[in-house]
Amino acid sequence: MKENVVIIPYQIKMADSFFKRLKGLMFRKDPIKDEGLWIVPCNAVHMFFMKFAIDIVLLNKQNEVVMVYHSLRPWKMTKPEKTAYSTLELPSGSINQLGICIGSIIQCPIQN
């Protein structure tokens, strides 16, 4: 079977410190577009204080997708996923647009 590798075409920022993970995308007024946030470590997210929906992609340590949430709305949350190591937050609709599914391997350029 051929591996489904998905290259993310957006600018991705890394949130790998306590404060960057805590803030995430909260308090932003406009929906993200052509950008995303990779939160490490992270196996669940909340949408408290968010003003727009986003796609959530949970990944294991090999960057393999273990769970997806399409257009998670403000004030919702995901369940902790035991097999997840990190979370990729993308513009709403990205999962379908990029063909991301459970088992996909994610590659993306990281911008600090």
PDB file of N, CA and C in Angstrom:
ATOM      1  N   MET A   1       0.834  -1.176   0.000  1.00  0.00           N
ATOM      2  CA  MET A   1       0.000   0.000   0.000  1.00  0.00           C
ATOM      3  C   MET A   1       0.884   1.248   0.000  1.00  0.00           C
ATOM      4  N   LYS A   2       0.515   2.244  -0.810  1.00  0.00           N
ATOM      5  CA  LYS A   2       1.294   3.469  -0.913  1.00  0.00           C
ATOM      6  C   LYS A   2       0.979   4.410   0.254  1.00  0.00           C
ATOM      7  N   GLU A   3       2.029   5.004   0.797  1.00  0.00           N
ATOM      8  CA  GLU A   3       1.867   5.965   1.887  1.00  0.00           C
ATOM      9  C   GLU A   3       1.220   7.237   1.361  1.00  0.00           C
ATOM     10  N   ASN A   4       0.292   7.784   2.124  1.00  0.00           N
ATOM     11  CA  ASN A   4      -0.352   9.043   1.775  1.00  0.00           C
ATOM     12  C   ASN A   4       0.394  10.176   2.485  1.00  0.00           C
ATOM     13  N   VAL A   5       1.351  10.776   1.791  1.00  0.00           N
ATOM     14  CA  VAL A   5       2.112  11.892   2.355  1.00  0.00           C
ATOM     15  C   VAL A   5       1.428  13.184   1.933  1.00  0.00           C
ATOM     16  N   VAL A   6       1.141  14.049   2.900  1.00  0.00           N
ATOM     17  CA  VAL A   6       0.507  15.331   2.626  1.00  0.00           C
ATOM     18  C   VAL A   6       1.488  16.429   3.003  1.00  0.00           C
ATOM     19  N   ILE A   7       1.829  17.253   2.015  1.00  0.00           N
ATOM     20  CA  ILE A   7       2.706  18.408   2.260  1.00  0.00           C
ATOM     21  C   ILE A   7       1.810  19.618   2.489  1.00  0.00           C
ATOM     22  N   ILE A   8       1.944  20.224   3.646  1.00  0.00           N
ATOM     23  CA  ILE A   8       1.108  21.369   4.006  1.00  0.00           C
ATOM     24  C   ILE A   8       1.660  22.617   3.307  1.00  0.00           C
ATOM     25  N   PRO A   9       0.844  23.289   2.489  1.00  0.00           N
ATOM     26  CA  PRO A   9       1.335  24.427   1.707  1.00  0.00           C
ATOM     27  C   PRO A   9       1.240  25.772   2.437  1.00  0.00           C
ATOM     28  N   TYR A  10       0.994  25.745   3.737  1.00  0.00           N
ATOM     29  CA  TYR A  10       0.838  26.980   4.500  1.00  0.00           C
ATOM     30  C   TYR A  10       2.088  27.277   5.322  1.00  0.00           C
ATOM     31  N   GLN A  11       2.189  28.513   5.798  1.00  0.00           N
ATOM     32  CA  GLN A  11       3.237  28.849   6.760  1.00  0.00           C
ATOM     33  C   GLN A  11       2.778  28.344   8.120  1.00  0.00           C
ATOM     34  N   ILE A  12       3.584  27.486   8.710  1.00  0.00           N
ATOM     35  CA  ILE A  12       3.232  26.875   9.991  1.00  0.00           C
ATOM     36  C   ILE A  12       4.167  27.398  11.075  1.00  0.00           C
ATOM     37  N   LYS A  13       3.571  27.917  12.143  1.00  0.00           N
ATOM     38  CA  LYS A  13       4.357  28.349  13.300  1.00  0.00           C
ATOM     39  C   LYS A  13       4.333  27.234  14.335  1.00  0.00           C
ATOM     40  N   MET A  14       5.443  27.099  15.043  1.00  0.00           N
ATOM     41  CA  MET A  14       5.582  26.073  16.077  1.00  0.00           C
ATOM     42  C   MET A  14       5.250  26.683  17.440  1.00  0.00           C
ATOM     43  N   ALA A  15       4.405  26.001  18.182  1.00  0.00           N
ATOM     44  CA  ALA A  15       4.101  26.390  19.556  1.00  0.00           C
ATOM     45  C   ALA A  15       4.637  25.273  20.449  1.00  0.00           C
ATOM     46  N   ASP A  16       5.867  25.471  20.921  1.00  0.00           N
ATOM     47  CA  ASP A  16       6.521  24.415  21.687  1.00  0.00           C
ATOM     48  C   ASP A  16       6.977  24.865  23.073  1.00  0.00           C
ATOM     49  N   SER A  17       6.492  26.028  23.514  1.00  0.00           N
ATOM     50  CA  SER A  17       6.757  26.463  24.886  1.00  0.00           C
ATOM     51  C   SER A  17       5.415  26.573  25.606  1.00  0.00           C
ATOM     52  N   PHE A  18       5.453  26.616  26.916  1.00  0.00           N
ATOM     53  CA  PHE A  18       4.216  26.675  27.698  1.00  0.00           C
ATOM     54  C   PHE A  18       3.342  27.847  27.257  1.00  0.00           C
ATOM     55  N   PHE A  19       3.916  29.036  27.136  1.00  0.00           N
ATOM     56  CA  PHE A  19       3.115  30.214  26.810  1.00  0.00           C
ATOM     57  C   PHE A  19       2.606  30.205  25.377  1.00  0.00           C
ATOM     58  N   LYS A  20       3.410  29.728  24.436  1.00  0.00           N
ATOM     59  CA  LYS A  20       2.941  29.630  23.050  1.00  0.00           C
ATOM     60  C   LYS A  20       1.815  28.616  22.934  1.00  0.00           C
ATOM     61  N   ARG A  21       1.934  27.499  23.645  1.00  0.00           N
ATOM     62  CA  ARG A  21       0.868  26.487  23.617  1.00  0.00           C
ATOM     63  C   ARG A  21      -0.391  27.016  24.293  1.00  0.00           C
ATOM     64  N   LEU A  22      -0.220  27.731  25.401  1.00  0.00           N
ATOM     65  CA  LEU A  22      -1.363  28.276  26.127  1.00  0.00           C
ATOM     66  C   LEU A  22      -2.138  29.268  25.265  1.00  0.00           C
ATOM     67  N   LYS A  23      -1.430  30.167  24.608  1.00  0.00           N
ATOM     68  CA  LYS A  23      -2.093  31.195  23.796  1.00  0.00           C
ATOM     69  C   LYS A  23      -2.674  30.615  22.519  1.00  0.00           C
ATOM     70  N   GLY A  24      -1.906  29.784  21.825  1.00  0.00           N
ATOM     71  CA  GLY A  24      -2.386  29.200  20.574  1.00  0.00           C
ATOM     72  C   GLY A  24      -2.910  30.262  19.631  1.00  0.00           C
ATOM     73  N   LEU A  25      -4.124  30.070  19.158  1.00  0.00           N
ATOM     74  CA  LEU A  25      -4.762  31.037  18.255  1.00  0.00           C
ATOM     75  C   LEU A  25      -5.847  31.851  18.956  1.00  0.00           C
ATOM     76  N   MET A  26      -5.903  31.755  20.293  1.00  0.00           N
ATOM     77  CA  MET A  26      -6.928  32.496  21.032  1.00  0.00           C
ATOM     78  C   MET A  26      -6.812  33.991  20.809  1.00  0.00           C
ATOM     79  N   PHE A  27      -7.938  34.637  20.855  1.00  0.00           N
ATOM     80  CA  PHE A  27      -8.087  36.095  20.803  1.00  0.00           C
ATOM     81  C   PHE A  27      -7.834  36.704  19.421  1.00  0.00           C
ATOM     82  N   ARG A  28      -7.527  35.877  18.426  1.00  0.00           N
ATOM     83  CA  ARG A  28      -7.398  36.419  17.070  1.00  0.00           C
ATOM     84  C   ARG A  28      -8.789  36.743  16.556  1.00  0.00           C
ATOM     85  N   LYS A  29      -8.910  37.869  15.868  1.00  0.00           N
ATOM     86  CA  LYS A  29     -10.222  38.314  15.404  1.00  0.00           C
ATOM     87  C   LYS A  29     -10.627  37.680  14.088  1.00  0.00           C
ATOM     88  N   ASP A  30      -9.678  37.513  13.181  1.00  0.00           N
ATOM     89  CA  ASP A  30      -9.989  37.017  11.850  1.00  0.00           C
ATOM     90  C   ASP A  30      -9.558  35.568  11.695  1.00  0.00           C
ATOM     91  N   PRO A  31     -10.340  34.785  10.933  1.00  0.00           N
ATOM     92  CA  PRO A  31      -9.949  33.386  10.689  1.00  0.00           C
ATOM     93  C   PRO A  31      -8.567  33.289  10.051  1.00  0.00           C
ATOM     94  N   ILE A  32      -7.856  32.224  10.365  1.00  0.00           N
ATOM     95  CA  ILE A  32      -6.543  32.016   9.747  1.00  0.00           C
ATOM     96  C   ILE A  32      -6.750  31.612   8.290  1.00  0.00           C
ATOM     97  N   LYS A  33      -5.780  32.002   7.468  1.00  0.00           N
ATOM     98  CA  LYS A  33      -5.828  31.695   6.041  1.00  0.00           C
ATOM     99  C   LYS A  33      -4.389  31.497   5.586  1.00  0.00           C
ATOM    100  N   ASP A  34      -4.108  30.397   4.928  1.00  0.00           N
ATOM    101  CA  ASP A  34      -2.749  30.105   4.448  1.00  0.00           C
ATOM    102  C   ASP A  34      -1.721  30.084   5.572  1.00  0.00           C
ATOM    103  N   GLU A  35      -2.133  29.695   6.759  1.00  0.00           N
ATOM    104  CA  GLU A  35      -1.221  29.581   7.890  1.00  0.00           C
ATOM    105  C   GLU A  35      -1.770  28.550   8.866  1.00  0.00           C
ATOM    106  N   GLY A  36      -0.928  28.137   9.786  1.00  0.00           N
ATOM    107  CA  GLY A  36      -1.363  27.186  10.790  1.00  0.00           C
ATOM    108  C   GLY A  36      -0.457  27.210  11.993  1.00  0.00           C
ATOM    109  N   LEU A  37      -0.790  26.395  12.979  1.00  0.00           N
ATOM    110  CA  LEU A  37      -0.019  26.333  14.216  1.00  0.00           C
ATOM    111  C   LEU A  37       0.168  24.868  14.578  1.00  0.00           C
ATOM    112  N   TRP A  38       1.439  24.491  14.841  1.00  0.00           N
ATOM    113  CA  TRP A  38       1.766  23.125  15.250  1.00  0.00           C
ATOM    114  C   TRP A  38       2.099  23.174  16.734  1.00  0.00           C
ATOM    115  N   ILE A  39       1.278  22.516  17.560  1.00  0.00           N
ATOM    116  CA  ILE A  39       1.425  22.563  19.006  1.00  0.00           C
ATOM    117  C   ILE A  39       2.066  21.260  19.477  1.00  0.00           C
ATOM    118  N   VAL A  40       3.228  21.396  20.125  1.00  0.00           N
ATOM    119  CA  VAL A  40       4.019  20.233  20.558  1.00  0.00           C
ATOM    120  C   VAL A  40       4.471  20.433  22.006  1.00  0.00           C
ATOM    121  N   PRO A  41       4.250  19.497  22.912  1.00  0.00           N
ATOM    122  CA  PRO A  41       3.360  18.355  22.787  1.00  0.00           C
ATOM    123  C   PRO A  41       1.927  18.795  23.011  1.00  0.00           C
ATOM    124  N   CYS A  42       0.979  18.025  22.462  1.00  0.00           N
ATOM    125  CA  CYS A  42      -0.442  18.354  22.605  1.00  0.00           C
ATOM    126  C   CYS A  42      -1.272  17.197  22.066  1.00  0.00           C
ATOM    127  N   ASN A  43      -2.170  16.662  22.899  1.00  0.00           N
ATOM    128  CA  ASN A  43      -3.018  15.573  22.427  1.00  0.00           C
ATOM    129  C   ASN A  43      -4.508  15.896  22.500  1.00  0.00           C
ATOM    130  N   ALA A  44      -4.833  17.176  22.775  1.00  0.00           N
ATOM    131  CA  ALA A  44      -6.222  17.648  22.792  1.00  0.00           C
ATOM    132  C   ALA A  44      -6.202  19.171  22.765  1.00  0.00           C
ATOM    133  N   VAL A  45      -7.274  19.776  22.258  1.00  0.00           N
ATOM    134  CA  VAL A  45      -7.353  21.239  22.226  1.00  0.00           C
ATOM    135  C   VAL A  45      -8.728  21.702  22.696  1.00  0.00           C
ATOM    136  N   HIS A  46      -8.772  22.955  23.106  1.00  0.00           N
ATOM    137  CA  HIS A  46     -10.054  23.606  23.410  1.00  0.00           C
ATOM    138  C   HIS A  46     -10.168  24.833  22.519  1.00  0.00           C
ATOM    139  N   MET A  47     -11.384  25.247  22.297  1.00  0.00           N
ATOM    140  CA  MET A  47     -11.643  26.402  21.427  1.00  0.00           C
ATOM    141  C   MET A  47     -12.201  27.580  22.233  1.00  0.00           C
ATOM    142  N   PHE A  48     -11.861  27.627  23.525  1.00  0.00           N
ATOM    143  CA  PHE A  48     -12.318  28.725  24.363  1.00  0.00           C
ATOM    144  C   PHE A  48     -11.683  30.028  23.880  1.00  0.00           C
ATOM    145  N   PHE A  49     -12.460  31.096  23.856  1.00  0.00           N
ATOM    146  CA  PHE A  49     -12.036  32.434  23.452  1.00  0.00           C
ATOM    147  C   PHE A  49     -11.679  32.530  21.970  1.00  0.00           C
ATOM    148  N   MET A  50     -12.026  31.505  21.200  1.00  0.00           N
ATOM    149  CA  MET A  50     -11.808  31.561  19.750  1.00  0.00           C
ATOM    150  C   MET A  50     -13.001  32.242  19.097  1.00  0.00           C
ATOM    151  N   LYS A  51     -12.744  32.882  17.952  1.00  0.00           N
ATOM    152  CA  LYS A  51     -13.805  33.600  17.246  1.00  0.00           C
ATOM    153  C   LYS A  51     -14.139  32.959  15.897  1.00  0.00           C
ATOM    154  N   PHE A  52     -13.487  31.834  15.571  1.00  0.00           N
ATOM    155  CA  PHE A  52     -13.713  31.175  14.287  1.00  0.00           C
ATOM    156  C   PHE A  52     -13.385  29.693  14.408  1.00  0.00           C
ATOM    157  N   ALA A  53     -13.938  28.903  13.493  1.00  0.00           N
ATOM    158  CA  ALA A  53     -13.689  27.465  13.473  1.00  0.00           C
ATOM    159  C   ALA A  53     -12.350  27.171  12.793  1.00  0.00           C
ATOM    160  N   ILE A  54     -11.726  26.057  13.170  1.00  0.00           N
ATOM    161  CA  ILE A  54     -10.483  25.601  12.537  1.00  0.00           C
ATOM    162  C   ILE A  54     -10.532  24.075  12.404  1.00  0.00           C
ATOM    163  N   ASP A  55      -9.696  23.558  11.508  1.00  0.00           N
ATOM    164  CA  ASP A  55      -9.511  22.121  11.391  1.00  0.00           C
ATOM    165  C   ASP A  55      -8.408  21.697  12.355  1.00  0.00           C
ATOM    166  N   ILE A  56      -8.594  20.559  13.002  1.00  0.00           N
ATOM    167  CA  ILE A  56      -7.642  20.027  13.969  1.00  0.00           C
ATOM    168  C   ILE A  56      -7.135  18.679  13.464  1.00  0.00           C
ATOM    169  N   VAL A  57      -5.802  18.530  13.423  1.00  0.00           N
ATOM    170  CA  VAL A  57      -5.176  17.282  13.001  1.00  0.00           C
ATOM    171  C   VAL A  57      -4.259  16.825  14.132  1.00  0.00           C
ATOM    172  N   LEU A  58      -4.561  15.670  14.711  1.00  0.00           N
ATOM    173  CA  LEU A  58      -3.737  15.120  15.785  1.00  0.00           C
ATOM    174  C   LEU A  58      -2.763  14.110  15.184  1.00  0.00           C
ATOM    175  N   LEU A  59      -1.491  14.235  15.583  1.00  0.00           N
ATOM    176  CA  LEU A  59      -0.417  13.432  15.003  1.00  0.00           C
ATOM    177  C   LEU A  59       0.336  12.653  16.073  1.00  0.00           C
ATOM    178  N   ASN A  60       0.873  11.494  15.688  1.00  0.00           N
ATOM    179  CA  ASN A  60       1.766  10.770  16.592  1.00  0.00           C
ATOM    180  C   ASN A  60       3.202  11.284  16.393  1.00  0.00           C
ATOM    181  N   LYS A  61       4.166  10.673  17.047  1.00  0.00           N
ATOM    182  CA  LYS A  61       5.557  11.154  16.965  1.00  0.00           C
ATOM    183  C   LYS A  61       6.167  10.978  15.582  1.00  0.00           C
ATOM    184  N   GLN A  62       5.573  10.150  14.742  1.00  0.00           N
ATOM    185  CA  GLN A  62       6.066   9.949  13.369  1.00  0.00           C
ATOM    186  C   GLN A  62       5.331  10.852  12.381  1.00  0.00           C
ATOM    187  N   ASN A  63       4.571  11.829  12.888  1.00  0.00           N
ATOM    188  CA  ASN A  63       3.764  12.761  12.082  1.00  0.00           C
ATOM    189  C   ASN A  63       2.679  12.055  11.273  1.00  0.00           C
ATOM    190  N   GLU A  64       2.235  10.919  11.788  1.00  0.00           N
ATOM    191  CA  GLU A  64       1.120  10.200  11.165  1.00  0.00           C
ATOM    192  C   GLU A  64      -0.177  10.677  11.819  1.00  0.00           C
ATOM    193  N   VAL A  65      -1.178  10.960  11.005  1.00  0.00           N
ATOM    194  CA  VAL A  65      -2.469  11.440  11.497  1.00  0.00           C
ATOM    195  C   VAL A  65      -3.190  10.319  12.241  1.00  0.00           C
ATOM    196  N   VAL A  66      -3.576  10.619  13.499  1.00  0.00           N
ATOM    197  CA  VAL A  66      -4.305   9.634  14.298  1.00  0.00           C
ATOM    198  C   VAL A  66      -5.757  10.038  14.557  1.00  0.00           C
ATOM    199  N   MET A  67      -6.083  11.333  14.321  1.00  0.00           N
ATOM    200  CA  MET A  67      -7.461  11.804  14.510  1.00  0.00           C
ATOM    201  C   MET A  67      -7.599  13.153  13.805  1.00  0.00           C
ATOM    202  N   VAL A  68      -8.778  13.430  13.276  1.00  0.00           N
ATOM    203  CA  VAL A  68      -9.055  14.729  12.657  1.00  0.00           C
ATOM    204  C   VAL A  68     -10.385  15.266  13.171  1.00  0.00           C
ATOM    205  N   TYR A  69     -10.479  16.573  13.238  1.00  0.00           N
ATOM    206  CA  TYR A  69     -11.718  17.267  13.588  1.00  0.00           C
ATOM    207  C   TYR A  69     -11.933  18.337  12.532  1.00  0.00           C
ATOM    208  N   HIS A  70     -13.039  18.230  11.815  1.00  0.00           N
ATOM    209  CA  HIS A  70     -13.369  19.182  10.760  1.00  0.00           C
ATOM    210  C   HIS A  70     -14.077  20.402  11.353  1.00  0.00           C
ATOM    211  N   SER A  71     -13.565  21.579  11.066  1.00  0.00           N
ATOM    212  CA  SER A  71     -14.221  22.840  11.441  1.00  0.00           C
ATOM    213  C   SER A  71     -14.718  22.850  12.884  1.00  0.00           C
ATOM    214  N   LEU A  72     -13.803  22.617  13.809  1.00  0.00           N
ATOM    215  CA  LEU A  72     -14.153  22.670  15.231  1.00  0.00           C
ATOM    216  C   LEU A  72     -14.518  24.114  15.578  1.00  0.00           C
ATOM    217  N   ARG A  73     -15.698  24.280  16.144  1.00  0.00           N
ATOM    218  CA  ARG A  73     -16.235  25.621  16.391  1.00  0.00           C
ATOM    219  C   ARG A  73     -15.785  26.185  17.744  1.00  0.00           C
ATOM    220  N   PRO A  74     -15.878  27.518  17.873  1.00  0.00           N
ATOM    221  CA  PRO A  74     -15.547  28.148  19.157  1.00  0.00           C
ATOM    222  C   PRO A  74     -16.333  27.528  20.311  1.00  0.00           C
ATOM    223  N   TRP A  75     -15.673  27.446  21.464  1.00  0.00           N
ATOM    224  CA  TRP A  75     -16.207  26.960  22.719  1.00  0.00           C
ATOM    225  C   TRP A  75     -16.426  25.448  22.731  1.00  0.00           C
ATOM    226  N   LYS A  76     -15.833  24.736  21.774  1.00  0.00           N
ATOM    227  CA  LYS A  76     -15.867  23.273  21.768  1.00  0.00           C
ATOM    228  C   LYS A  76     -14.493  22.765  22.197  1.00  0.00           C
ATOM    229  N   MET A  77     -14.387  21.468  22.426  1.00  0.00           N
ATOM    230  CA  MET A  77     -13.093  20.882  22.760  1.00  0.00           C
ATOM    231  C   MET A  77     -13.015  19.462  22.213  1.00  0.00           C
ATOM    232  N   THR A  78     -11.763  18.971  22.093  1.00  0.00           N
ATOM    233  CA  THR A  78     -11.558  17.603  21.634  1.00  0.00           C
ATOM    234  C   THR A  78     -11.288  16.721  22.844  1.00  0.00           C
ATOM    235  N   LYS A  79     -11.499  15.441  22.663  1.00  0.00           N
ATOM    236  CA  LYS A  79     -11.136  14.484  23.707  1.00  0.00           C
ATOM    237  C   LYS A  79      -9.637  14.223  23.611  1.00  0.00           C
ATOM    238  N   PRO A  80      -8.967  13.996  24.744  1.00  0.00           N
ATOM    239  CA  PRO A  80      -7.550  13.622  24.670  1.00  0.00           C
ATOM    240  C   PRO A  80      -7.390  12.321  23.877  1.00  0.00           C
ATOM    241  N   GLU A  81      -6.423  12.307  22.995  1.00  0.00           N
ATOM    242  CA  GLU A  81      -6.135  11.136  22.159  1.00  0.00           C
ATOM    243  C   GLU A  81      -4.821  10.533  22.648  1.00  0.00           C
ATOM    244  N   LYS A  82      -4.878   9.334  23.221  1.00  0.00           N
ATOM    245  CA  LYS A  82      -3.698   8.702  23.819  1.00  0.00           C
ATOM    246  C   LYS A  82      -2.535   8.551  22.852  1.00  0.00           C
ATOM    247  N   THR A  83      -2.823   8.273  21.582  1.00  0.00           N
ATOM    248  CA  THR A  83      -1.748   8.026  20.620  1.00  0.00           C
ATOM    249  C   THR A  83      -1.192   9.304  19.993  1.00  0.00           C
ATOM    250  N   ALA A  84      -1.796  10.453  20.314  1.00  0.00           N
ATOM    251  CA  ALA A  84      -1.346  11.722  19.719  1.00  0.00           C
ATOM    252  C   ALA A  84      -0.196  12.325  20.508  1.00  0.00           C
ATOM    253  N   TYR A  85       0.722  12.915  19.777  1.00  0.00           N
ATOM    254  CA  TYR A  85       1.861  13.617  20.373  1.00  0.00           C
ATOM    255  C   TYR A  85       1.780  15.122  20.114  1.00  0.00           C
ATOM    256  N   SER A  86       1.226  15.506  18.964  1.00  0.00           N
ATOM    257  CA  SER A  86       1.151  16.921  18.618  1.00  0.00           C
ATOM    258  C   SER A  86      -0.146  17.207  17.872  1.00  0.00           C
ATOM    259  N   THR A  87      -0.454  18.499  17.758  1.00  0.00           N
ATOM    260  CA  THR A  87      -1.676  18.937  17.103  1.00  0.00           C
ATOM    261  C   THR A  87      -1.347  20.006  16.080  1.00  0.00           C
ATOM    262  N   LEU A  88      -1.911  19.848  14.900  1.00  0.00           N
ATOM    263  CA  LEU A  88      -1.766  20.823  13.828  1.00  0.00           C
ATOM    264  C   LEU A  88      -3.106  21.523  13.658  1.00  0.00           C
ATOM    265  N   GLU A  89      -3.113  22.852  13.853  1.00  0.00           N
ATOM    266  CA  GLU A  89      -4.323  23.644  13.675  1.00  0.00           C
ATOM    267  C   GLU A  89      -4.234  24.327  12.322  1.00  0.00           C
ATOM    268  N   LEU A  90      -5.251  24.108  11.499  1.00  0.00           N
ATOM    269  CA  LEU A  90      -5.256  24.601  10.114  1.00  0.00           C
ATOM    270  C   LEU A  90      -6.546  25.358   9.822  1.00  0.00           C
ATOM    271  N   PRO A  91      -6.547  26.168   8.755  1.00  0.00           N
ATOM    272  CA  PRO A  91      -7.790  26.853   8.376  1.00  0.00           C
ATOM    273  C   PRO A  91      -8.922  25.858   8.149  1.00  0.00           C
ATOM    274  N   SER A  92     -10.112  26.255   8.505  1.00  0.00           N
ATOM    275  CA  SER A  92     -11.282  25.414   8.319  1.00  0.00           C
ATOM    276  C   SER A  92     -11.401  25.001   6.851  1.00  0.00           C
ATOM    277  N   GLY A  93     -11.618  23.726   6.618  1.00  0.00           N
ATOM    278  CA  GLY A  93     -11.724  23.193   5.262  1.00  0.00           C
ATOM    279  C   GLY A  93     -10.438  22.586   4.731  1.00  0.00           C
ATOM    280  N   SER A  94      -9.327  22.777   5.436  1.00  0.00           N
ATOM    281  CA  SER A  94      -8.021  22.282   4.980  1.00  0.00           C
ATOM    282  C   SER A  94      -7.946  20.766   4.927  1.00  0.00           C
ATOM    283  N   ILE A  95      -8.579  20.091   5.874  1.00  0.00           N
ATOM    284  CA  ILE A  95      -8.512  18.628   5.907  1.00  0.00           C
ATOM    285  C   ILE A  95      -9.039  18.061   4.591  1.00  0.00           C
ATOM    286  N   ASN A  96     -10.204  18.525   4.174  1.00  0.00           N
ATOM    287  CA  ASN A  96     -10.776  18.044   2.911  1.00  0.00           C
ATOM    288  C   ASN A  96      -9.985  18.543   1.711  1.00  0.00           C
ATOM    289  N   GLN A  97      -9.629  19.812   1.721  1.00  0.00           N
ATOM    290  CA  GLN A  97      -8.925  20.416   0.586  1.00  0.00           C
ATOM    291  C   GLN A  97      -7.582  19.740   0.318  1.00  0.00           C
ATOM    292  N   LEU A  98      -6.855  19.371   1.371  1.00  0.00           N
ATOM    293  CA  LEU A  98      -5.524  18.787   1.222  1.00  0.00           C
ATOM    294  C   LEU A  98      -5.546  17.254   1.205  1.00  0.00           C
ATOM    295  N   GLY A  99      -6.704  16.662   1.410  1.00  0.00           N
ATOM    296  CA  GLY A  99      -6.802  15.195   1.388  1.00  0.00           C
ATOM    297  C   GLY A  99      -6.195  14.528   2.607  1.00  0.00           C
ATOM    298  N   ILE A 100      -6.263  15.192   3.753  1.00  0.00           N
ATOM    299  CA  ILE A 100      -5.721  14.635   4.994  1.00  0.00           C
ATOM    300  C   ILE A 100      -6.717  13.623   5.552  1.00  0.00           C
ATOM    301  N   CYS A 101      -6.202  12.458   5.934  1.00  0.00           N
ATOM    302  CA  CYS A 101      -7.050  11.437   6.551  1.00  0.00           C
ATOM    303  C   CYS A 101      -6.220  10.665   7.578  1.00  0.00           C
ATOM    304  N   ILE A 102      -6.908   9.896   8.404  1.00  0.00           N
ATOM    305  CA  ILE A 102      -6.204   9.087   9.392  1.00  0.00           C
ATOM    306  C   ILE A 102      -5.242   8.169   8.645  1.00  0.00           C
ATOM    307  N   GLY A 103      -3.980   8.171   9.080  1.00  0.00           N
ATOM    308  CA  GLY A 103      -2.943   7.381   8.418  1.00  0.00           C
ATOM    309  C   GLY A 103      -2.050   8.215   7.515  1.00  0.00           C
ATOM    310  N   SER A 104      -2.501   9.430   7.138  1.00  0.00           N
ATOM    311  CA  SER A 104      -1.645  10.315   6.325  1.00  0.00           C
ATOM    312  C   SER A 104      -0.380  10.668   7.089  1.00  0.00           C
ATOM    313  N   ILE A 105       0.704  10.875   6.382  1.00  0.00           N
ATOM    314  CA  ILE A 105       1.950  11.371   6.966  1.00  0.00           C
ATOM    315  C   ILE A 105       2.038  12.853   6.596  1.00  0.00           C
ATOM    316  N   ILE A 106       2.210  13.699   7.598  1.00  0.00           N
ATOM    317  CA  ILE A 106       2.222  15.143   7.390  1.00  0.00           C
ATOM    318  C   ILE A 106       3.646  15.664   7.304  1.00  0.00           C
ATOM    319  N   GLN A 107       3.892  16.486   6.293  1.00  0.00           N
ATOM    320  CA  GLN A 107       5.170  17.214   6.157  1.00  0.00           C
ATOM    321  C   GLN A 107       4.807  18.682   5.988  1.00  0.00           C
ATOM    322  N   CYS A 108       5.510  19.539   6.711  1.00  0.00           N
ATOM    323  CA  CYS A 108       5.267  20.968   6.541  1.00  0.00           C
ATOM    324  C   CYS A 108       6.474  21.782   6.965  1.00  0.00           C
ATOM    325  N   PRO A 109       6.638  22.923   6.300  1.00  0.00           N
ATOM    326  CA  PRO A 109       7.719  23.828   6.669  1.00  0.00           C
ATOM    327  C   PRO A 109       7.362  24.568   7.961  1.00  0.00           C
ATOM    328  N   ILE A 110       8.296  24.631   8.876  1.00  0.00           N
ATOM    329  CA  ILE A 110       8.064  25.313  10.152  1.00  0.00           C
ATOM    330  C   ILE A 110       8.710  26.694  10.109  1.00  0.00           C
ATOM    331  N   GLN A 111       7.930  27.687  10.533  1.00  0.00           N
ATOM    332  CA  GLN A 111       8.423  29.057  10.635  1.00  0.00           C
ATOM    333  C   GLN A 111       8.442  29.418  12.110  1.00  0.00           C
ATOM    334  N   ASN A 112       9.577  29.924  12.591  1.00  0.00           N
ATOM    335  CA  ASN A 112       9.640  30.288  14.020  1.00  0.00           C
ATOM    336  C   ASN A 112       9.203  31.691  14.275  1.00  0.00           C
TER     337      ASN A 112
END
